[in-house]
C-alpha cells in the first residue's frame, strides 16, 4: 500500500509553494521513476485549483529521471483545450512551453472516439445491483482512454469539491468520467440523477462513488493522486497524496468542512453568478446544483451569466430536443426518452431541480431562470425562464438575506445547504 502524505494549511493564506513541493519530493523520489513513462491526468479549465503548482513541482522533480512525462486533460465530454489553454491550466507561459517543458506532450481526452478507448472490463448486472442499492441491474462496459496503457505510472492532479453526480469530486473521478468512454459515463450520471442532486451532493459515500471506484479498480496501472482542497484566492487549504481512494477520502473530509455554507432558512430569490470558466450551460448548471438545497419552494434561482451564449456545443442538439425537466418527467415516460444519452438526461434534471410528473403534468418545485446571451425564445423552448442580463444590477441583490434574497458572486463550487434540510434533501423536514 502506498503511504498517504498530507499537509493542511495552518493559516488562511494557504500552503506555501515550498510546502507543496516538499510533499511532491517525499512522495515521488526520482530514483523510483528512473526510465519510467509517467502520465499526468489533470482537469480542464472548468475547475478552480493551482494545478500548475503541482505540475511544475513534479516536472522539476522527475523530468531528468523519466523516459516520458506527459499530460492528459480529463475532459469528460467537455470541449478539447487548445495548446494555449492547456498552458494556462498548467500555469506556464508560451515561452516556458517551448523551452522548459518542450518535451512534455499534451493530450485531450476524446470520449466519443472509439479508436482512443480500450475496454478494461464489464460491471455485471449483479455488481451494478449491489453498487446501486438495487436501483439498476444491467451490464455496463467499462472503457477508458487507451493512452494510459502506454505509461508505467499515472499521476492524477485535481481539486476536491462537493459534486452533484458523485457527492465529492476528485480521486478516481478524474478517470471516470474524466478519461472514460460514453457507456460507463452515461450510466453513472443517470444513476446520480435518479438518486437526485440534493441527496447526492456533499455526501461522501454515494452509489456513484462506489461505481467510480469499482471501475477504477479495473485499470491495472500504478496510480498516484494529488488531491487538492482549494481555499479563497485559489490557495491550497490542503494537499493529500496517495492512492486515489485514500487521498480523496481525506481531502473530501476537509472539503466538507470548508466548501459547505449552511443557512438557517431557504431563499425565495437567488442570484447565482457564473464565473467566466463556465462558458456553456452544460457547466454553468453548477450554479443551480450548488444552490438548489437552499432554494425555497416556489422560489426563483437566476443563473447570471452575461458572457454565456451556448447551451452546450457537444450535446446541444440532444438538450434542445428534450429541454430541462425534473427527474420524474423522464422516469414516467422512459420509453420515449431512454434513447437519449443518459448523461444529457442527468444534466437536464440537475438544472431543473426537484419536481413531480403526475397525470401528464409536470410540477417543478421552483423556477430556474437564465440571464445570459441565450435568447428568450430558446429559454422558453428549453423550459427555463429568461431575464435580460442587462436588467440585472448586482447591488440590487446585495445584503438582502434577511428578506430572502441571496447573492452568490462566484457560484458553482461552494455548496449551500440548510441546517435543517427538508426530506427531499435528506432531512427530516417537510
Protein backbone atom coordinates (compact mmCIF):
# COMPACT_ATOMS: atom_id res chain seq x y z
CA UNK A 1 0.00 0.00 0.00
CA UNK A 2 1.22 3.49 -0.87
CA UNK A 3 1.82 5.81 2.08
CA UNK A 4 -0.62 8.73 2.31
CA UNK A 5 1.14 12.07 2.82
CA UNK A 6 -0.76 15.26 3.55
CA UNK A 7 -0.45 18.85 4.71
CA UNK A 8 -3.24 21.15 5.89
CA UNK A 9 -2.65 24.88 5.85
CA UNK A 10 -2.20 26.48 9.25
CA UNK A 11 -3.26 29.93 8.04
CA UNK A 12 -5.91 31.39 5.70
CA UNK A 13 -3.17 32.23 3.18
CA UNK A 14 -2.88 28.53 2.37
CA UNK A 15 0.09 26.28 1.87
CA UNK A 16 3.34 27.76 0.64
CA UNK A 17 4.71 26.56 -2.68
CA UNK A 18 7.65 25.10 -0.77
CA UNK A 19 5.30 23.00 1.37
CA UNK A 20 3.60 21.56 -1.71
CA UNK A 21 6.98 20.88 -3.30
CA UNK A 22 8.12 19.08 -0.15
CA UNK A 23 5.16 16.71 -0.40
CA UNK A 24 5.95 16.06 -4.06
CA UNK A 25 9.60 15.36 -3.17
CA UNK A 26 8.60 12.96 -0.40
CA UNK A 27 6.05 11.05 -2.45
CA UNK A 28 7.95 10.98 -5.75
CA UNK A 29 11.68 10.36 -5.22
CA UNK A 30 13.38 10.43 -8.65
CA UNK A 31 15.06 7.06 -8.16
CA UNK A 32 11.61 5.42 -8.16
CA UNK A 33 10.89 6.82 -11.61
CA UNK A 34 14.13 6.06 -13.43
CA UNK A 35 13.35 5.37 -17.12
CA UNK A 36 9.63 5.18 -16.43
CA UNK A 37 6.90 6.69 -18.55
CA UNK A 38 4.67 8.98 -16.47
CA UNK A 39 1.28 10.36 -17.49
CA UNK A 40 -0.31 13.20 -15.54
CA UNK A 41 -4.11 13.49 -15.65
CA UNK A 42 -5.36 17.00 -14.89
CA UNK A 43 -8.76 18.76 -15.08
CA UNK A 44 -9.71 21.21 -17.80
CA UNK A 45 -10.31 24.90 -17.20
CA UNK A 46 -13.69 24.44 -15.51
CA UNK A 47 -12.14 23.60 -12.13
CA UNK A 48 -10.54 26.10 -9.76
CA UNK A 49 -7.20 24.82 -8.47
CA UNK A 50 -3.46 25.66 -8.57
CA UNK A 51 -2.80 22.68 -10.85
CA UNK A 52 0.34 24.36 -12.20
CA UNK A 53 1.94 24.36 -8.75
CA UNK A 54 1.90 20.56 -8.57
CA UNK A 55 2.64 20.08 -12.27
CA UNK A 56 5.77 22.23 -12.13
CA UNK A 57 6.93 20.63 -8.87
CA UNK A 58 6.55 17.16 -10.37
CA UNK A 59 8.30 18.16 -13.57
CA UNK A 60 11.26 19.62 -11.68
CA UNK A 61 11.42 16.52 -9.51
CA UNK A 62 11.08 13.83 -12.16
CA UNK A 63 11.85 15.04 -15.66
CA UNK A 64 15.56 14.14 -15.52
CA UNK A 65 14.70 10.62 -14.41
CA UNK A 66 11.70 9.69 -16.51
CA UNK A 67 11.61 8.35 -20.03
CA UNK A 68 8.41 10.32 -20.69
CA UNK A 69 6.48 12.92 -18.73
CA UNK A 70 3.20 13.86 -20.43
CA UNK A 71 -0.22 15.36 -19.68
CA UNK A 72 -3.75 14.14 -20.46
CA UNK A 73 -6.65 16.56 -19.95
CA UNK A 74 -9.59 14.93 -18.16
CA UNK A 75 -12.36 16.44 -20.26
CA UNK A 76 -15.19 14.02 -19.66
CA UNK A 77 -17.40 15.20 -22.52
CA UNK A 78 -16.19 18.81 -22.43
CA UNK A 79 -14.63 20.52 -25.45
CA UNK A 80 -10.91 19.94 -26.21
CA UNK A 81 -8.49 22.56 -24.94
CA UNK A 82 -6.11 24.46 -27.19
CA UNK A 83 -2.35 24.38 -26.60
CA UNK A 84 -2.58 27.90 -25.19
CA UNK A 85 -5.46 26.96 -22.85
CA UNK A 86 -3.52 23.95 -21.57
CA UNK A 87 -0.54 26.18 -20.85
CA UNK A 88 -2.86 28.45 -18.90
CA UNK A 89 -4.26 25.47 -17.00
CA UNK A 90 -0.70 24.40 -16.11
CA UNK A 91 0.30 27.99 -15.26
CA UNK A 92 3.18 28.14 -17.73
CA UNK A 93 3.96 30.76 -20.36
CA UNK A 94 4.23 30.10 -24.09
CA UNK A 95 7.97 30.65 -23.79
CA UNK A 96 8.26 28.12 -20.96
CA UNK A 97 6.25 25.68 -23.03
CA UNK A 98 8.83 25.82 -25.81
CA UNK A 99 11.81 25.80 -23.50
CA UNK A 100 11.49 24.16 -20.07
CA UNK A 101 8.50 22.00 -20.99
CA UNK A 102 9.17 21.34 -24.66
CA UNK A 103 9.40 17.55 -24.23
CA UNK A 104 6.01 17.29 -22.49
CA UNK A 105 3.23 16.00 -24.74
CA UNK A 106 -0.30 17.30 -24.26
CA UNK A 107 -3.31 15.08 -24.97
CA UNK A 108 -7.01 15.92 -24.93
CA UNK A 109 -9.34 13.09 -23.95
CA UNK A 110 -11.74 12.10 -26.75
CA UNK A 111 -14.68 10.34 -25.12
CA UNK A 112 -16.53 9.86 -28.42
CA UNK A 113 -13.70 8.33 -30.47
CA UNK A 114 -13.82 4.51 -30.18
CA UNK A 115 -10.29 4.30 -31.58
CA UNK A 116 -9.00 6.09 -28.47
CA UNK A 117 -10.80 3.86 -25.99
CA UNK A 118 -10.00 0.47 -24.50
CA UNK A 119 -12.39 -1.75 -22.60
CA UNK A 120 -10.92 -2.85 -19.29
CA UNK A 121 -13.84 -4.87 -18.02
CA UNK A 122 -17.58 -5.04 -17.51
CA UNK A 123 -19.70 -4.34 -14.47
CA UNK A 124 -22.06 -7.31 -14.25
CA UNK A 125 -25.76 -6.94 -13.53
CA UNK A 126 -25.17 -8.39 -10.07
CA UNK A 127 -22.36 -5.92 -9.35
CA UNK A 128 -24.43 -2.99 -10.58
CA UNK A 129 -27.38 -4.02 -8.44
CA UNK A 130 -25.11 -4.27 -5.39
CA UNK A 131 -23.32 -0.97 -6.07
CA UNK A 132 -26.54 0.96 -6.71
CA UNK A 133 -28.55 -0.47 -3.82
CA UNK A 134 -30.84 -2.20 -6.31
CA UNK A 135 -31.70 0.87 -8.39
CA UNK A 136 -30.24 -0.69 -11.54
CA UNK A 137 -29.43 -4.21 -12.71
CA UNK A 138 -27.66 -4.11 -16.06
CA UNK A 139 -24.28 -4.83 -17.59
CA UNK A 140 -22.07 -1.78 -18.06
CA UNK A 141 -18.92 -1.97 -20.21
CA UNK A 142 -16.01 -0.04 -18.70
CA UNK A 143 -13.89 1.84 -21.24
CA UNK A 144 -11.05 4.28 -20.71
CA UNK A 145 -8.60 6.27 -22.83
CA UNK A 146 -6.11 3.74 -24.20
CA UNK A 147 -3.20 6.19 -23.98
CA UNK A 148 -2.95 5.30 -20.28
CA UNK A 149 -1.57 1.91 -21.19
CA UNK A 150 1.47 3.49 -22.86
CA UNK A 151 2.70 4.54 -19.40
CA UNK A 152 4.07 2.90 -16.27
CA UNK A 153 2.62 5.41 -13.83
CA UNK A 154 -0.50 7.59 -13.82
CA UNK A 155 -0.48 10.65 -11.57
CA UNK A 156 -3.83 12.38 -11.02
CA UNK A 157 -3.82 16.05 -10.01
CA UNK A 158 -7.09 17.76 -9.20
CA UNK A 159 -9.29 19.54 -6.67
CA UNK A 160 -11.99 18.09 -4.45
CA UNK A 161 -15.30 19.94 -4.18
CA UNK A 162 -18.89 18.94 -3.41
CA UNK A 163 -20.27 17.43 -6.62
CA UNK A 164 -23.79 16.87 -7.93
CA UNK A 165 -23.23 13.44 -9.51
CA UNK A 166 -20.74 11.70 -7.24
CA UNK A 167 -21.01 13.56 -3.89
CA UNK A 168 -17.49 14.98 -3.84
CA UNK A 169 -15.28 15.31 -6.90
CA UNK A 170 -11.68 14.17 -7.11
CA UNK A 171 -9.79 10.90 -6.83
CA UNK A 172 -10.93 8.28 -9.31
CA UNK A 173 -13.44 10.71 -10.78
CA UNK A 174 -10.58 12.02 -12.94
CA UNK A 175 -10.59 8.57 -14.56
CA UNK A 176 -14.36 8.09 -14.63
CA UNK A 177 -15.73 10.22 -16.25
CA UNK A 178 -12.56 12.28 -16.78
CA UNK A 179 -10.95 9.98 -19.36
CA UNK A 180 -13.70 7.39 -19.74
CA UNK A 181 -15.87 6.06 -22.54
CA UNK A 182 -19.53 7.04 -23.02
CA UNK A 183 -21.28 3.92 -21.70
CA UNK A 184 -19.93 3.99 -18.15
CA UNK A 185 -20.07 7.79 -18.18
CA UNK A 186 -23.72 7.98 -19.18
CA UNK A 187 -24.69 5.20 -16.78
CA UNK A 188 -23.42 6.69 -13.58
CA UNK A 189 -24.51 10.23 -14.42
CA UNK A 190 -28.08 8.97 -14.77
CA UNK A 191 -27.65 6.95 -11.59
CA UNK A 192 -26.79 10.18 -9.77
CA UNK A 193 -29.80 11.91 -11.31
CA UNK A 194 -32.15 9.13 -10.22
CA UNK A 195 -30.88 9.44 -6.66
CA UNK A 196 -31.20 13.26 -7.19
CA UNK A 197 -28.71 16.06 -6.76
CA UNK A 198 -29.81 17.12 -3.24
CA UNK A 199 -29.46 13.54 -1.97
CA UNK A 200 -26.01 13.12 -3.56
CA UNK A 201 -24.20 16.42 -3.30
CA UNK A 202 -22.00 16.87 -0.25
CA UNK A 203 -22.26 13.21 0.75
CA UNK A 204 -19.08 11.13 0.57
CA UNK A 205 -20.18 7.55 0.17
CA UNK A 206 -22.71 7.53 -2.62
CA UNK A 207 -23.73 4.78 -5.07
CA UNK A 208 -21.97 6.73 -7.82
CA UNK A 209 -18.70 6.87 -5.87
CA UNK A 210 -18.92 3.12 -5.42
CA UNK A 211 -19.32 2.65 -9.18
CA UNK A 212 -16.44 5.02 -9.92
CA UNK A 213 -14.06 3.27 -7.53
CA UNK A 214 -15.06 -0.17 -8.80
CA UNK A 215 -14.44 0.87 -12.40
CA UNK A 216 -11.07 2.38 -11.45
CA UNK A 217 -10.02 -0.92 -9.88
CA UNK A 218 -10.22 -2.43 -13.36
CA UNK A 219 -7.50 -0.07 -14.60
CA UNK A 220 -4.40 -2.12 -13.80
CA UNK A 221 -1.82 0.68 -13.80
CA UNK A 222 0.01 2.11 -10.81
CA UNK A 223 -1.94 5.22 -9.78
CA UNK A 224 -0.88 8.12 -7.58
CA UNK A 225 -3.20 11.01 -6.77
CA UNK A 226 -2.66 14.55 -5.53
CA UNK A 227 -5.99 15.77 -4.17
CA UNK A 228 -6.18 19.50 -3.59
CA UNK A 229 -8.63 21.28 -1.33
CA UNK A 230 -8.79 24.86 -2.54
CA UNK A 231 -9.50 27.88 -0.36
CA UNK A 232 -10.01 31.57 -1.20
CA UNK A 233 -7.87 33.15 -3.93
CA UNK A 234 -7.03 29.73 -5.35
CA UNK A 235 -4.82 28.94 -2.35
CA UNK A 236 -4.26 25.39 -1.16
CA UNK A 237 -6.07 24.74 2.11
CA UNK A 238 -4.85 21.16 2.00
CA UNK A 239 -2.89 18.75 -0.16
CA UNK A 240 -3.26 14.97 0.06
CA UNK A 241 -1.08 12.49 -1.84
CA UNK A 242 -1.55 8.75 -2.02
CA UNK A 243 -3.79 6.25 -3.76
CA UNK A 244 -6.80 7.88 -5.43
CA UNK A 245 -9.06 6.29 -2.82
CA UNK A 246 -7.08 7.31 0.27
CA UNK A 247 -6.16 10.81 -0.92
CA UNK A 248 -9.77 11.50 -1.90
CA UNK A 249 -11.13 10.16 1.39
CA UNK A 250 -9.05 12.59 3.44
CA UNK A 251 -9.45 15.51 1.05
CA UNK A 252 -13.23 15.18 0.90
CA UNK A 253 -13.39 15.31 4.69
CA UNK A 254 -11.63 18.69 4.60
CA UNK A 255 -13.74 19.85 1.66
CA UNK A 256 -16.86 19.08 3.67
CA UNK A 257 -15.64 21.47 6.37
CA UNK A 258 -14.57 24.26 4.01
CA UNK A 259 -16.86 24.12 0.99
CA UNK A 260 -20.32 23.91 2.54
CA UNK A 261 -22.08 27.04 3.74
CA UNK A 262 -25.07 26.47 5.98
CA UNK A 263 -28.14 28.70 6.07
CA UNK A 264 -31.00 28.68 8.54
CA UNK A 265 -33.80 29.45 6.06
CA UNK A 266 -34.33 28.97 2.32
CA UNK A 267 -34.35 31.92 -0.10
CA UNK A 268 -37.16 32.87 -2.46
CA UNK A 269 -34.72 34.60 -4.85
CA UNK A 270 -31.13 33.58 -5.57
CA UNK A 271 -28.81 35.34 -7.99
CA UNK A 272 -26.19 32.72 -8.78
CA UNK A 273 -23.34 34.32 -10.73
CA UNK A 274 -21.47 32.04 -13.15
CA UNK A 275 -17.71 32.66 -13.42
CA UNK A 276 -16.16 33.03 -16.86
CA UNK A 277 -14.80 29.46 -16.74
CA UNK A 278 -18.39 28.28 -17.25
CA UNK A 279 -18.96 29.28 -20.87
CA UNK A 280 -21.83 26.85 -21.55
CA UNK A 281 -24.96 25.99 -19.61
CA UNK A 282 -23.54 22.43 -19.51
CA UNK A 283 -21.08 23.68 -16.89
CA UNK A 284 -22.89 26.81 -15.67
CA UNK A 285 -25.64 24.49 -14.47
CA UNK A 286 -23.43 24.07 -11.40
CA UNK A 287 -24.80 27.45 -10.33
CA UNK A 288 -28.10 25.65 -9.76
CA UNK A 289 -26.70 22.38 -8.41
CA UNK A 290 -24.83 24.03 -5.54
CA UNK A 291 -27.74 26.31 -4.57
CA UNK A 292 -30.78 24.08 -5.03
CA UNK A 293 -30.69 22.90 -1.38
CA UNK A 294 -31.36 26.48 -0.15
CA UNK A 295 -33.89 27.48 -2.83
CA UNK A 296 -37.38 27.83 -1.38
CA UNK A 297 -40.43 26.05 -2.76
CA UNK A 298 -41.87 28.31 -5.45
CA UNK A 299 -38.73 30.45 -5.47
CA UNK A 300 -36.56 31.56 -8.36
CA UNK A 301 -32.90 30.84 -9.00
CA UNK A 302 -31.29 33.06 -11.63
CA UNK A 303 -28.16 31.81 -13.36
CA UNK A 304 -26.49 35.12 -14.15
CA UNK A 305 -24.02 34.54 -16.98
CA UNK A 306 -23.87 37.59 -19.29
CA UNK A 307 -20.85 36.07 -21.05
CA UNK A 308 -22.61 32.80 -21.94
CA UNK A 309 -24.15 32.19 -25.37
CA UNK A 310 -24.12 28.39 -25.66
CA UNK A 311 -26.24 25.68 -24.11
CA UNK A 312 -23.68 23.02 -24.98
CA UNK A 313 -21.53 22.56 -28.06
CA UNK A 314 -21.20 18.80 -27.63
CA UNK A 315 -24.70 17.86 -26.51
CA UNK A 316 -26.73 20.90 -27.60
CA UNK A 317 -28.92 19.11 -30.14
CA UNK A 318 -29.98 16.50 -27.58
CA UNK A 319 -30.65 19.12 -24.91
CA UNK A 320 -32.70 21.23 -27.29
CA UNK A 321 -34.72 18.14 -28.21
CA UNK A 322 -35.71 17.31 -24.63
CA UNK A 323 -35.38 20.59 -22.71
CA UNK A 324 -34.97 20.86 -18.96
CA UNK A 325 -37.24 18.78 -16.76
CA UNK A 326 -37.41 17.13 -13.37
CA UNK A 327 -36.37 13.51 -12.93
CA UNK A 328 -39.90 12.10 -12.84
CA UNK A 329 -40.74 13.66 -16.20
CA UNK A 330 -38.28 11.21 -17.76
CA UNK A 331 -38.88 8.24 -15.48
CA UNK A 332 -42.64 8.32 -16.08
CA UNK A 333 -42.08 8.46 -19.85
CA UNK A 334 -38.98 6.27 -20.03
CA UNK A 335 -39.78 4.56 -23.34
CA UNK A 336 -39.91 7.95 -25.01
CA UNK A 337 -36.57 9.18 -23.65
CA UNK A 338 -34.37 6.17 -22.94
CA UNK A 339 -32.57 6.53 -26.30
CA UNK A 340 -31.25 9.99 -25.36
CA UNK A 341 -27.71 9.88 -23.86
CA UNK A 342 -28.30 9.37 -20.18
CA UNK A 343 -25.72 11.99 -19.24
CA UNK A 344 -27.85 14.56 -21.07
CA UNK A 345 -30.96 13.48 -19.17
CA UNK A 346 -28.99 13.75 -15.92
CA UNK A 347 -27.86 17.28 -16.77
CA UNK A 348 -31.45 18.23 -17.62
CA UNK A 349 -32.80 17.10 -14.26
CA UNK A 350 -29.94 18.63 -12.31
CA UNK A 351 -30.52 22.07 -13.82
CA UNK A 352 -34.31 21.95 -13.49
CA UNK A 353 -34.31 20.54 -9.98
CA UNK A 354 -36.73 18.53 -7.90
CA UNK A 355 -40.28 18.11 -9.17
CA UNK A 356 -43.12 15.71 -9.96
CA UNK A 357 -44.86 14.40 -13.07
CA UNK A 358 -48.37 13.14 -12.48
CA UNK A 359 -51.23 12.60 -14.92
CA UNK A 360 -49.17 14.16 -17.68
CA UNK A 361 -48.49 17.35 -15.73
CA UNK A 362 -45.01 18.40 -14.64
CA UNK A 363 -44.75 20.46 -11.49
CA UNK A 364 -41.25 21.65 -10.62
CA UNK A 365 -40.52 22.78 -7.11
CA UNK A 366 -39.02 26.14 -8.15
CA UNK A 367 -38.26 28.34 -11.14
CA UNK A 368 -34.89 28.36 -12.90
CA UNK A 369 -34.10 31.43 -15.00
CA UNK A 370 -31.23 32.22 -17.35
CA UNK A 371 -29.80 35.73 -17.57
CA UNK A 372 -27.36 35.21 -20.41
CA UNK A 373 -26.90 35.74 -24.13
CA UNK A 374 -29.21 32.81 -24.83
CA UNK A 375 -32.39 34.23 -26.33
CA UNK A 376 -35.75 34.36 -24.53
CA UNK A 377 -37.23 32.16 -27.28
CA UNK A 378 -34.65 29.45 -26.72
CA UNK A 379 -35.07 29.67 -22.95
CA UNK A 380 -38.81 29.12 -23.34
CA UNK A 381 -38.25 26.16 -25.65
CA UNK A 382 -35.88 24.67 -23.07
CA UNK A 383 -38.45 25.05 -20.28
CA UNK A 384 -36.40 27.72 -18.49
CA UNK A 385 -37.17 31.29 -17.56
CA UNK A 386 -35.43 34.30 -19.13
CA UNK A 387 -34.16 37.62 -17.84
CA UNK A 388 -32.26 40.23 -19.78
CA UNK A 389 -28.79 40.25 -18.16
CA UNK A 390 -28.51 43.99 -18.74
CA UNK A 391 -31.54 44.49 -16.50
CA UNK A 392 -29.73 42.93 -13.55
CA UNK A 393 -27.68 45.04 -11.15
CA UNK A 394 -25.77 43.03 -8.56
CA UNK A 395 -26.22 45.76 -5.97
CA UNK A 396 -29.97 45.16 -6.08
CA UNK A 397 -29.37 41.69 -4.61
CA UNK A 398 -26.69 42.55 -2.07
CA UNK A 399 -27.20 42.35 1.71
CA UNK A 400 -30.78 41.15 1.50
CA UNK A 401 -30.55 37.71 3.04
CA UNK A 402 -32.94 38.72 5.83
CA UNK A 403 -35.51 39.42 3.08
CA UNK A 404 -34.99 36.00 1.50
CA UNK A 405 -32.70 37.21 -1.31
CA UNK A 406 -29.27 35.63 -1.75
CA UNK A 407 -26.43 36.84 -3.95
CA UNK A 408 -23.60 34.40 -4.75
CA UNK A 409 -20.89 36.32 -6.64
CA UNK A 410 -18.97 33.21 -7.76
CA UNK A 411 -21.22 30.20 -7.86
CA UNK A 412 -20.60 26.63 -8.88
CA UNK A 413 -18.09 25.26 -6.38
CA UNK A 414 -19.25 26.20 -2.89
CA UNK A 415 -22.25 24.18 -1.74
CA UNK A 416 -25.09 25.81 0.20
CA UNK A 417 -27.25 23.69 2.47
CA UNK A 418 -29.86 24.26 5.17
CA UNK A 419 -29.03 23.44 8.76
CA UNK A 420 -32.38 21.62 8.90
CA UNK A 421 -32.96 20.29 5.38
CA UNK A 422 -36.33 19.07 4.10
CA UNK A 423 -36.99 15.42 3.26
CA UNK A 424 -36.21 15.86 -0.44
CA UNK A 425 -32.68 16.93 0.59
CA UNK A 426 -32.13 14.11 3.05
CA UNK A 427 -33.51 15.75 6.18
CA UNK A 428 -36.47 15.18 8.44
CA UNK A 429 -38.37 18.33 7.49
CA UNK A 430 -41.27 18.76 5.09
